[in-house]
Amino acid sequence: MSIGQAIAAFAKEKRLTRYRISKESNISQTTLGEIVNEKKTNPTIDTLEKIANGLGIPLSELMKKSEELDKERIKK
């Protein structure tokens, strides 16, 4: 799952720093960084919901973007 790439894509699109997302999400910068860098590959739904809220998007949109990125990776 490319959840880290999806988070990074939305952050770039919305011009949000990891610091800002972590504050809005109420999760640590370390945890967010591990997820974005795909060092933490199995975040909980609760954590993903918090990140989506920090990005200002619904969780479903984050998951959809992740799925799209996975499909792109498979095509290559």
C-alpha atoms as a PDB file:
ATOM      1  CA  MET A   1       0.000   0.000   0.000  1.00  0.00           C
ATOM      2  CA  SER A   2       1.327   3.419  -0.949  1.00  0.00           C
ATOM      3  CA  ILE A   3      -0.276   5.251   1.931  1.00  0.00           C
ATOM      4  CA  GLY A   4       2.927   7.177   2.606  1.00  0.00           C
ATOM      5  CA  GLN A   5       3.079   8.391  -0.982  1.00  0.00           C
ATOM      6  CA  ALA A   6      -0.587   9.376  -0.837  1.00  0.00           C
ATOM      7  CA  ILE A   7      -0.004  11.427   2.317  1.00  0.00           C
ATOM      8  CA  ALA A   8       3.019  13.094   0.726  1.00  0.00           C
ATOM      9  CA  ALA A   9       1.053  13.873  -2.453  1.00  0.00           C
ATOM     10  CA  PHE A  10      -1.802  15.509  -0.544  1.00  0.00           C
ATOM     11  CA  ALA A  11       0.650  17.413   1.663  1.00  0.00           C
ATOM     12  CA  LYS A  12       2.426  18.774  -1.408  1.00  0.00           C
ATOM     13  CA  GLU A  13      -0.859  19.643  -3.128  1.00  0.00           C
ATOM     14  CA  LYS A  14      -2.116  21.480  -0.051  1.00  0.00           C
ATOM     15  CA  ARG A  15       1.310  22.948   0.793  1.00  0.00           C
ATOM     16  CA  LEU A  16       1.294  21.455   4.271  1.00  0.00           C
ATOM     17  CA  THR A  17       4.444  20.586   6.185  1.00  0.00           C
ATOM     18  CA  ARG A  18       4.773  17.397   8.193  1.00  0.00           C
ATOM     19  CA  TYR A  19       4.939  19.568  11.285  1.00  0.00           C
ATOM     20  CA  ARG A  20       1.587  21.160  10.467  1.00  0.00           C
ATOM     21  CA  ILE A  21      -0.026  17.813   9.623  1.00  0.00           C
ATOM     22  CA  SER A  22       1.258  16.252  12.842  1.00  0.00           C
ATOM     23  CA  LYS A  23      -0.129  19.146  14.896  1.00  0.00           C
ATOM     24  CA  GLU A  24      -3.502  19.059  13.127  1.00  0.00           C
ATOM     25  CA  SER A  25      -3.597  15.250  13.395  1.00  0.00           C
ATOM     26  CA  ASN A  26      -2.452  15.089  17.003  1.00  0.00           C
ATOM     27  CA  ILE A  27       0.167  12.468  16.156  1.00  0.00           C
ATOM     28  CA  SER A  28       3.921  12.747  16.547  1.00  0.00           C
ATOM     29  CA  GLN A  29       6.148  13.937  13.730  1.00  0.00           C
ATOM     30  CA  THR A  30       8.129  10.736  14.179  1.00  0.00           C
ATOM     31  CA  THR A  31       5.089   8.540  13.578  1.00  0.00           C
ATOM     32  CA  LEU A  32       4.008  10.621  10.594  1.00  0.00           C
ATOM     33  CA  GLY A  33       7.525  10.484   9.149  1.00  0.00           C
ATOM     34  CA  GLU A  34       7.699   6.714   9.562  1.00  0.00           C
ATOM     35  CA  ILE A  35       4.387   6.313   7.725  1.00  0.00           C
ATOM     36  CA  VAL A  36       5.323   8.728   4.919  1.00  0.00           C
ATOM     37  CA  ASN A  37       8.734   7.062   4.503  1.00  0.00           C
ATOM     38  CA  GLU A  38       7.025   3.649   4.634  1.00  0.00           C
ATOM     39  CA  LYS A  39       9.089   2.494   7.612  1.00  0.00           C
ATOM     40  CA  LYS A  40       5.842   1.929   9.476  1.00  0.00           C
ATOM     41  CA  THR A  41       3.841  -0.104   6.998  1.00  0.00           C
ATOM     42  CA  ASN A  42       0.795  -1.015   9.041  1.00  0.00           C
ATOM     43  CA  PRO A  43      -0.711   2.134  10.601  1.00  0.00           C
ATOM     44  CA  THR A  44      -4.042   1.758  12.364  1.00  0.00           C
ATOM     45  CA  ILE A  45      -7.277   3.058  10.877  1.00  0.00           C
ATOM     46  CA  ASP A  46      -7.467   5.488  13.804  1.00  0.00           C
ATOM     47  CA  THR A  47      -4.049   6.909  12.907  1.00  0.00           C
ATOM     48  CA  LEU A  48      -4.966   7.169   9.228  1.00  0.00           C
ATOM     49  CA  GLU A  49      -8.219   8.915  10.148  1.00  0.00           C
ATOM     50  CA  LYS A  50      -6.259  11.455  12.205  1.00  0.00           C
ATOM     51  CA  ILE A  51      -3.838  12.065   9.337  1.00  0.00           C
ATOM     52  CA  ALA A  52      -6.692  12.487   6.862  1.00  0.00           C
ATOM     53  CA  ASN A  53      -8.282  15.013   9.214  1.00  0.00           C
ATOM     54  CA  GLY A  54      -4.949  16.818   9.470  1.00  0.00           C
ATOM     55  CA  LEU A  55      -4.842  16.975   5.677  1.00  0.00           C
ATOM     56  CA  GLY A  56      -8.415  18.247   5.594  1.00  0.00           C
ATOM     57  CA  ILE A  57      -9.712  15.317   3.552  1.00  0.00           C
ATOM     58  CA  PRO A  58     -11.940  12.307   4.233  1.00  0.00           C
ATOM     59  CA  LEU A  59     -10.195   9.013   4.975  1.00  0.00           C
ATOM     60  CA  SER A  60     -11.838   7.523   1.871  1.00  0.00           C
ATOM     61  CA  GLU A  61     -10.030  10.059  -0.325  1.00  0.00           C
ATOM     62  CA  LEU A  62      -6.679   9.164   1.238  1.00  0.00           C
ATOM     63  CA  MET A  63      -7.324   5.453   0.692  1.00  0.00           C
ATOM     64  CA  LYS A  64      -8.451   6.040  -2.908  1.00  0.00           C
ATOM     65  CA  LYS A  65      -5.251   7.962  -3.690  1.00  0.00           C
ATOM     66  CA  SER A  66      -3.184   5.187  -2.115  1.00  0.00           C
ATOM     67  CA  GLU A  67      -4.947   2.606  -4.266  1.00  0.00           C
ATOM     68  CA  GLU A  68      -4.366   4.679  -7.418  1.00  0.00           C
ATOM     69  CA  LEU A  69      -0.654   4.934  -6.621  1.00  0.00           C
ATOM     70  CA  ASP A  70      -0.486   1.164  -6.091  1.00  0.00           C
ATOM     71  CA  LYS A  71      -2.047   0.587  -9.518  1.00  0.00           C
ATOM     72  CA  GLU A  72       0.453   2.969 -11.126  1.00  0.00           C
ATOM     73  CA  ARG A  73       3.334   1.136  -9.462  1.00  0.00           C
ATOM     74  CA  ILE A  74       2.074  -2.222 -10.750  1.00  0.00           C
ATOM     75  CA  LYS A  75       1.836  -0.893 -14.329  1.00  0.00           C
ATOM     76  CA  LYS A  76       5.525   0.094 -14.319  1.00  0.00           C
END
